[in-house]
Amino acid sequence: ALAPMLSGLRVIIIDDAHLMNVISPNS
């Protein structure tokens, strides 16, 4: 939610995204 601190972007890597529990994908 905060602006990037060091770069112009924020990058999120979600490994094994298929293992998100029932609520996580909607979040």
PDB file of all heavy atoms in Angstrom:
ATOM      1  N   ALA A   1       0.829  -1.198   0.000  1.00  0.00           N
ATOM      2  CA  ALA A   1       0.000   0.000   0.000  1.00  0.00           C
ATOM      3  C   ALA A   1       0.870   1.256   0.000  1.00  0.00           C
ATOM      4  O   ALA A   1       0.438   2.316  -0.442  1.00  0.00           O
ATOM      5  CB  ALA A   1      -0.933  -0.008   1.202  1.00  0.00           C
ATOM      6  N   LEU A   2       2.095   1.113   0.458  1.00  0.00           N
ATOM      7  CA  LEU A   2       3.029   2.232   0.501  1.00  0.00           C
ATOM      8  C   LEU A   2       3.772   2.336  -0.830  1.00  0.00           C
ATOM      9  O   LEU A   2       3.949   1.347  -1.532  1.00  0.00           O
ATOM     10  CB  LEU A   2       4.033   2.028   1.632  1.00  0.00           C
ATOM     11  CG  LEU A   2       3.426   1.797   3.014  1.00  0.00           C
ATOM     12  CD1 LEU A   2       4.505   1.377   3.994  1.00  0.00           C
ATOM     13  CD2 LEU A   2       2.703   3.032   3.492  1.00  0.00           C
ATOM     14  N   ALA A   3       4.227   3.516  -1.160  1.00  0.00           N
ATOM     15  CA  ALA A   3       4.995   3.717  -2.391  1.00  0.00           C
ATOM     16  C   ALA A   3       6.327   2.971  -2.291  1.00  0.00           C
ATOM     17  O   ALA A   3       6.833   2.733  -1.189  1.00  0.00           O
ATOM     18  CB  ALA A   3       5.249   5.206  -2.605  1.00  0.00           C
ATOM     19  N   PRO A   4       6.900   2.603  -3.443  1.00  0.00           N
ATOM     20  CA  PRO A   4       8.201   1.924  -3.427  1.00  0.00           C
ATOM     21  C   PRO A   4       9.247   2.772  -2.714  1.00  0.00           C
ATOM     22  O   PRO A   4       9.221   3.996  -2.782  1.00  0.00           O
ATOM     23  CB  PRO A   4       8.535   1.777  -4.909  1.00  0.00           C
ATOM     24  CG  PRO A   4       7.243   1.894  -5.618  1.00  0.00           C
ATOM     25  CD  PRO A   4       6.378   2.791  -4.790  1.00  0.00           C
ATOM     26  N   MET A   5      10.176   2.087  -2.050  1.00  0.00           N
ATOM     27  CA  MET A   5      11.202   2.784  -1.280  1.00  0.00           C
ATOM     28  C   MET A   5      12.506   2.947  -2.038  1.00  0.00           C
ATOM     29  O   MET A   5      13.165   3.958  -1.930  1.00  0.00           O
ATOM     30  CB  MET A   5      11.452   2.029   0.023  1.00  0.00           C
ATOM     31  CG  MET A   5      10.240   1.997   0.927  1.00  0.00           C
ATOM     32  SD  MET A   5      10.430   0.923   2.341  1.00  0.00           S
ATOM     33  CE  MET A   5      11.666   1.782   3.291  1.00  0.00           C
ATOM     34  N   LEU A   6      12.890   1.938  -2.813  1.00  0.00           N
ATOM     35  CA  LEU A   6      14.200   1.949  -3.471  1.00  0.00           C
ATOM     36  C   LEU A   6      14.070   1.988  -4.986  1.00  0.00           C
ATOM     37  O   LEU A   6      14.865   2.620  -5.654  1.00  0.00           O
ATOM     38  CB  LEU A   6      15.005   0.719  -3.032  1.00  0.00           C
ATOM     39  CG  LEU A   6      16.419   0.581  -3.542  1.00  0.00           C
ATOM     40  CD1 LEU A   6      17.273   1.780  -3.152  1.00  0.00           C
ATOM     41  CD2 LEU A   6      17.050  -0.696  -3.012  1.00  0.00           C
ATOM     42  N   SER A   7      13.084   1.322  -5.507  1.00  0.00           N
ATOM     43  CA  SER A   7      12.896   1.224  -6.956  1.00  0.00           C
ATOM     44  C   SER A   7      11.607   1.940  -7.340  1.00  0.00           C
ATOM     45  O   SER A   7      10.862   2.397  -6.496  1.00  0.00           O
ATOM     46  CB  SER A   7      12.803  -0.248  -7.370  1.00  0.00           C
ATOM     47  OG  SER A   7      13.980  -0.936  -7.003  1.00  0.00           O
ATOM     48  N   GLY A   8      11.344   1.969  -8.630  1.00  0.00           N
ATOM     49  CA  GLY A   8      10.107   2.572  -9.105  1.00  0.00           C
ATOM     50  C   GLY A   8       8.920   1.635  -8.997  1.00  0.00           C
ATOM     51  O   GLY A   8       7.786   2.031  -9.242  1.00  0.00           O
ATOM     52  N   LEU A   9       9.172   0.385  -8.640  1.00  0.00           N
ATOM     53  CA  LEU A   9       8.122  -0.629  -8.561  1.00  0.00           C
ATOM     54  C   LEU A   9       8.201  -1.397  -7.250  1.00  0.00           C
ATOM     55  O   LEU A   9       9.236  -1.395  -6.582  1.00  0.00           O
ATOM     56  CB  LEU A   9       8.296  -1.662  -9.687  1.00  0.00           C
ATOM     57  CG  LEU A   9       8.014  -1.262 -11.109  1.00  0.00           C
ATOM     58  CD1 LEU A   9       8.419  -2.390 -12.054  1.00  0.00           C
ATOM     59  CD2 LEU A   9       6.549  -0.917 -11.307  1.00  0.00           C
ATOM     60  N   ARG A  10       7.119  -2.073  -6.969  1.00  0.00           N
ATOM     61  CA  ARG A  10       7.093  -3.113  -5.940  1.00  0.00           C
ATOM     62  C   ARG A  10       6.758  -4.397  -6.685  1.00  0.00           C
ATOM     63  O   ARG A  10       5.850  -4.420  -7.507  1.00  0.00           O
ATOM     64  CB  ARG A  10       6.022  -2.852  -4.896  1.00  0.00           C
ATOM     65  CG  ARG A  10       6.310  -1.626  -4.080  1.00  0.00           C
ATOM     66  CD  ARG A  10       6.183  -1.945  -2.648  1.00  0.00           C
ATOM     67  NE  ARG A  10       6.413  -0.731  -1.858  1.00  0.00           N
ATOM     68  CZ  ARG A  10       6.904  -0.761  -0.666  1.00  0.00           C
ATOM     69  NH1 ARG A  10       7.211  -1.890  -0.109  1.00  0.00           N
ATOM     70  NH2 ARG A  10       7.086   0.341   0.001  1.00  0.00           N
ATOM     71  N   VAL A  11       7.488  -5.463  -6.421  1.00  0.00           N
ATOM     72  CA  VAL A  11       7.252  -6.745  -7.080  1.00  0.00           C
ATOM     73  C   VAL A  11       6.888  -7.773  -6.028  1.00  0.00           C
ATOM     74  O   VAL A  11       7.557  -7.874  -4.998  1.00  0.00           O
ATOM     75  CB  VAL A  11       8.485  -7.214  -7.891  1.00  0.00           C
ATOM     76  CG1 VAL A  11       8.223  -8.578  -8.529  1.00  0.00           C
ATOM     77  CG2 VAL A  11       8.850  -6.192  -8.960  1.00  0.00           C
ATOM     78  N   ILE A  12       5.829  -8.522  -6.314  1.00  0.00           N
ATOM     79  CA  ILE A  12       5.352  -9.569  -5.420  1.00  0.00           C
ATOM     80  C   ILE A  12       5.494 -10.899  -6.140  1.00  0.00           C
ATOM     81  O   ILE A  12       5.019 -11.039  -7.272  1.00  0.00           O
ATOM     82  CB  ILE A  12       3.871  -9.362  -5.070  1.00  0.00           C
ATOM     83  CG1 ILE A  12       3.674  -7.999  -4.428  1.00  0.00           C
ATOM     84  CG2 ILE A  12       3.356 -10.483  -4.176  1.00  0.00           C
ATOM     85  CD1 ILE A  12       2.261  -7.486  -4.547  1.00  0.00           C
ATOM     86  N   ILE A  13       6.141 -11.864  -5.508  1.00  0.00           N
ATOM     87  CA  ILE A  13       6.222 -13.227  -6.043  1.00  0.00           C
ATOM     88  C   ILE A  13       5.435 -14.125  -5.101  1.00  0.00           C
ATOM     89  O   ILE A  13       5.741 -14.193  -3.905  1.00  0.00           O
ATOM     90  CB  ILE A  13       7.687 -13.720  -6.140  1.00  0.00           C
ATOM     91  CG1 ILE A  13       8.499 -12.826  -7.089  1.00  0.00           C
ATOM     92  CG2 ILE A  13       7.723 -15.180  -6.595  1.00  0.00           C
ATOM     93  CD1 ILE A  13       9.989 -13.157  -7.117  1.00  0.00           C
ATOM     94  N   ILE A  14       4.427 -14.794  -5.636  1.00  0.00           N
ATOM     95  CA  ILE A  14       3.653 -15.744  -4.848  1.00  0.00           C
ATOM     96  C   ILE A  14       3.957 -17.137  -5.393  1.00  0.00           C
ATOM     97  O   ILE A  14       3.493 -17.508  -6.472  1.00  0.00           O
ATOM     98  CB  ILE A  14       2.146 -15.445  -4.890  1.00  0.00           C
ATOM     99  CG1 ILE A  14       1.880 -14.022  -4.378  1.00  0.00           C
ATOM    100  CG2 ILE A  14       1.377 -16.489  -4.065  1.00  0.00           C
ATOM    101  CD1 ILE A  14       0.432 -13.595  -4.419  1.00  0.00           C
ATOM    102  N   ASP A  15       4.787 -17.869  -4.657  1.00  0.00           N
ATOM    103  CA  ASP A  15       5.205 -19.205  -5.065  1.00  0.00           C
ATOM    104  C   ASP A  15       4.127 -20.216  -4.672  1.00  0.00           C
ATOM    105  O   ASP A  15       3.518 -20.104  -3.610  1.00  0.00           O
ATOM    106  CB  ASP A  15       6.533 -19.549  -4.391  1.00  0.00           C
ATOM    107  CG  ASP A  15       7.242 -20.720  -5.039  1.00  0.00           C
ATOM    108  OD1 ASP A  15       6.809 -21.167  -6.120  1.00  0.00           O
ATOM    109  OD2 ASP A  15       8.228 -21.195  -4.460  1.00  0.00           O
ATOM    110  N   ASP A  16       3.905 -21.189  -5.526  1.00  0.00           N
ATOM    111  CA  ASP A  16       2.862 -22.194  -5.299  1.00  0.00           C
ATOM    112  C   ASP A  16       1.515 -21.525  -5.040  1.00  0.00           C
ATOM    113  O   ASP A  16       0.794 -21.855  -4.088  1.00  0.00           O
ATOM    114  CB  ASP A  16       3.230 -23.139  -4.153  1.00  0.00           C
ATOM    115  CG  ASP A  16       4.321 -24.123  -4.531  1.00  0.00           C
ATOM    116  OD1 ASP A  16       4.418 -24.474  -5.728  1.00  0.00           O
ATOM    117  OD2 ASP A  16       5.072 -24.551  -3.641  1.00  0.00           O
ATOM    118  N   ALA A  17       1.162 -20.580  -5.907  1.00  0.00           N
ATOM    119  CA  ALA A  17      -0.084 -19.814  -5.750  1.00  0.00           C
ATOM    120  C   ALA A  17      -1.310 -20.716  -5.715  1.00  0.00           C
ATOM    121  O   ALA A  17      -2.333 -20.347  -5.125  1.00  0.00           O
ATOM    122  CB  ALA A  17      -0.213 -18.791  -6.877  1.00  0.00           C
ATOM    123  N   HIS A  18      -1.217 -21.890  -6.310  1.00  0.00           N
ATOM    124  CA  HIS A  18      -2.338 -22.829  -6.284  1.00  0.00           C
ATOM    125  C   HIS A  18      -2.614 -23.354  -4.873  1.00  0.00           C
ATOM    126  O   HIS A  18      -3.654 -23.960  -4.640  1.00  0.00           O
ATOM    127  CB  HIS A  18      -2.084 -24.006  -7.241  1.00  0.00           C
ATOM    128  CG  HIS A  18      -0.830 -24.745  -6.934  1.00  0.00           C
ATOM    129  ND1 HIS A  18       0.413 -24.293  -7.340  1.00  0.00           N
ATOM    130  CD2 HIS A  18      -0.612 -25.891  -6.241  1.00  0.00           C
ATOM    131  CE1 HIS A  18       1.332 -25.136  -6.905  1.00  0.00           C
ATOM    132  NE2 HIS A  18       0.739 -26.113  -6.248  1.00  0.00           N
ATOM    133  N   LEU A  19      -1.712 -23.091  -3.934  1.00  0.00           N
ATOM    134  CA  LEU A  19      -1.909 -23.532  -2.558  1.00  0.00           C
ATOM    135  C   LEU A  19      -2.512 -22.447  -1.672  1.00  0.00           C
ATOM    136  O   LEU A  19      -2.525 -22.583  -0.439  1.00  0.00           O
ATOM    137  CB  LEU A  19      -0.591 -24.030  -1.959  1.00  0.00           C
ATOM    138  CG  LEU A  19      -0.034 -25.317  -2.578  1.00  0.00           C
ATOM    139  CD1 LEU A  19       1.287 -25.695  -1.942  1.00  0.00           C
ATOM    140  CD2 LEU A  19      -1.040 -26.454  -2.474  1.00  0.00           C
ATOM    141  N   MET A  20      -3.016 -21.369  -2.287  1.00  0.00           N
ATOM    142  CA  MET A  20      -3.722 -20.375  -1.482  1.00  0.00           C
ATOM    143  C   MET A  20      -4.952 -21.045  -0.890  1.00  0.00           C
ATOM    144  O   MET A  20      -5.652 -21.785  -1.588  1.00  0.00           O
ATOM    145  CB  MET A  20      -4.135 -19.168  -2.328  1.00  0.00           C
ATOM    146  CG  MET A  20      -2.985 -18.257  -2.681  1.00  0.00           C
ATOM    147  SD  MET A  20      -3.510 -16.701  -3.417  1.00  0.00           S
ATOM    148  CE  MET A  20      -3.568 -17.161  -5.148  1.00  0.00           C
ATOM    149  N   ASN A  21      -5.206 -20.795   0.397  1.00  0.00           N
ATOM    150  CA  ASN A  21      -6.383 -21.404   1.002  1.00  0.00           C
ATOM    151  C   ASN A  21      -7.649 -20.757   0.436  1.00  0.00           C
ATOM    152  O   ASN A  21      -7.576 -19.872  -0.409  1.00  0.00           O
ATOM    153  CB  ASN A  21      -6.319 -21.359   2.534  1.00  0.00           C
ATOM    154  CG  ASN A  21      -6.448 -19.955   3.088  1.00  0.00           C
ATOM    155  OD1 ASN A  21      -6.810 -19.011   2.403  1.00  0.00           O
ATOM    156  ND2 ASN A  21      -6.145 -19.822   4.367  1.00  0.00           N
ATOM    157  N   VAL A  22      -8.799 -21.165   0.882  1.00  0.00           N
ATOM    158  CA  VAL A  22     -10.070 -20.744   0.287  1.00  0.00           C
ATOM    159  C   VAL A  22     -10.255 -19.231   0.286  1.00  0.00           C
ATOM    160  O   VAL A  22     -10.774 -18.663  -0.671  1.00  0.00           O
ATOM    161  CB  VAL A  22     -11.245 -21.430   1.034  1.00  0.00           C
ATOM    162  CG1 VAL A  22     -12.579 -20.984   0.475  1.00  0.00           C
ATOM    163  CG2 VAL A  22     -11.114 -22.933   0.966  1.00  0.00           C
ATOM    164  N   ILE A  23      -9.814 -18.565   1.327  1.00  0.00           N
ATOM    165  CA  ILE A  23     -10.036 -17.121   1.478  1.00  0.00           C
ATOM    166  C   ILE A  23      -8.966 -16.292   0.774  1.00  0.00           C
ATOM    167  O   ILE A  23      -9.236 -15.212   0.265  1.00  0.00           O
ATOM    168  CB  ILE A  23     -10.097 -16.755   2.973  1.00  0.00           C
ATOM    169  CG1 ILE A  23     -11.205 -17.548   3.651  1.00  0.00           C
ATOM    170  CG2 ILE A  23     -10.332 -15.272   3.182  1.00  0.00           C
ATOM    171  CD1 ILE A  23     -11.163 -17.498   5.161  1.00  0.00           C
ATOM    172  N   SER A  24      -7.750 -16.769   0.701  1.00  0.00           N
ATOM    173  CA  SER A  24      -6.620 -15.997   0.179  1.00  0.00           C
ATOM    174  C   SER A  24      -6.820 -15.453  -1.240  1.00  0.00           C
ATOM    175  O   SER A  24      -6.513 -14.281  -1.487  1.00  0.00           O
ATOM    176  CB  SER A  24      -5.344 -16.834   0.238  1.00  0.00           C
ATOM    177  OG  SER A  24      -5.029 -17.137   1.575  1.00  0.00           O
ATOM    178  N   PRO A  25      -7.322 -16.243  -2.194  1.00  0.00           N
ATOM    179  CA  PRO A  25      -7.477 -15.696  -3.553  1.00  0.00           C
ATOM    180  C   PRO A  25      -8.396 -14.482  -3.593  1.00  0.00           C
ATOM    181  O   PRO A  25      -8.137 -13.523  -4.320  1.00  0.00           O
ATOM    182  CB  PRO A  25      -8.070 -16.857  -4.348  1.00  0.00           C
ATOM    183  CG  PRO A  25      -7.717 -18.075  -3.587  1.00  0.00           C
ATOM    184  CD  PRO A  25      -7.686 -17.651  -2.144  1.00  0.00           C
ATOM    185  N   ASN A  26      -9.461 -14.502  -2.801  1.00  0.00           N
ATOM    186  CA  ASN A  26     -10.368 -13.357  -2.783  1.00  0.00           C
ATOM    187  C   ASN A  26      -9.717 -12.142  -2.135  1.00  0.00           C
ATOM    188  O   ASN A  26     -10.044 -11.012  -2.478  1.00  0.00           O
ATOM    189  CB  ASN A  26     -11.666 -13.728  -2.063  1.00  0.00           C
ATOM    190  CG  ASN A  26     -12.470 -14.716  -2.877  1.00  0.00           C
ATOM    191  OD1 ASN A  26     -12.607 -14.572  -4.091  1.00  0.00           O
ATOM    192  ND2 ASN A  26     -12.985 -15.738  -2.231  1.00  0.00           N
ATOM    193  N   SER A  27      -8.782 -12.364  -1.226  1.00  0.00           N
ATOM    194  CA  SER A  27      -8.082 -11.255  -0.577  1.00  0.00           C
ATOM    195  C   SER A  27      -7.165 -10.519  -1.545  1.00  0.00           C
ATOM    196  O   SER A  27      -6.971  -9.316  -1.425  1.00  0.00           O
ATOM    197  CB  SER A  27      -7.247 -11.764   0.599  1.00  0.00           C
ATOM    198  OG  SER A  27      -8.065 -12.298   1.581  1.00  0.00           O
TER     199      SER A  27
END
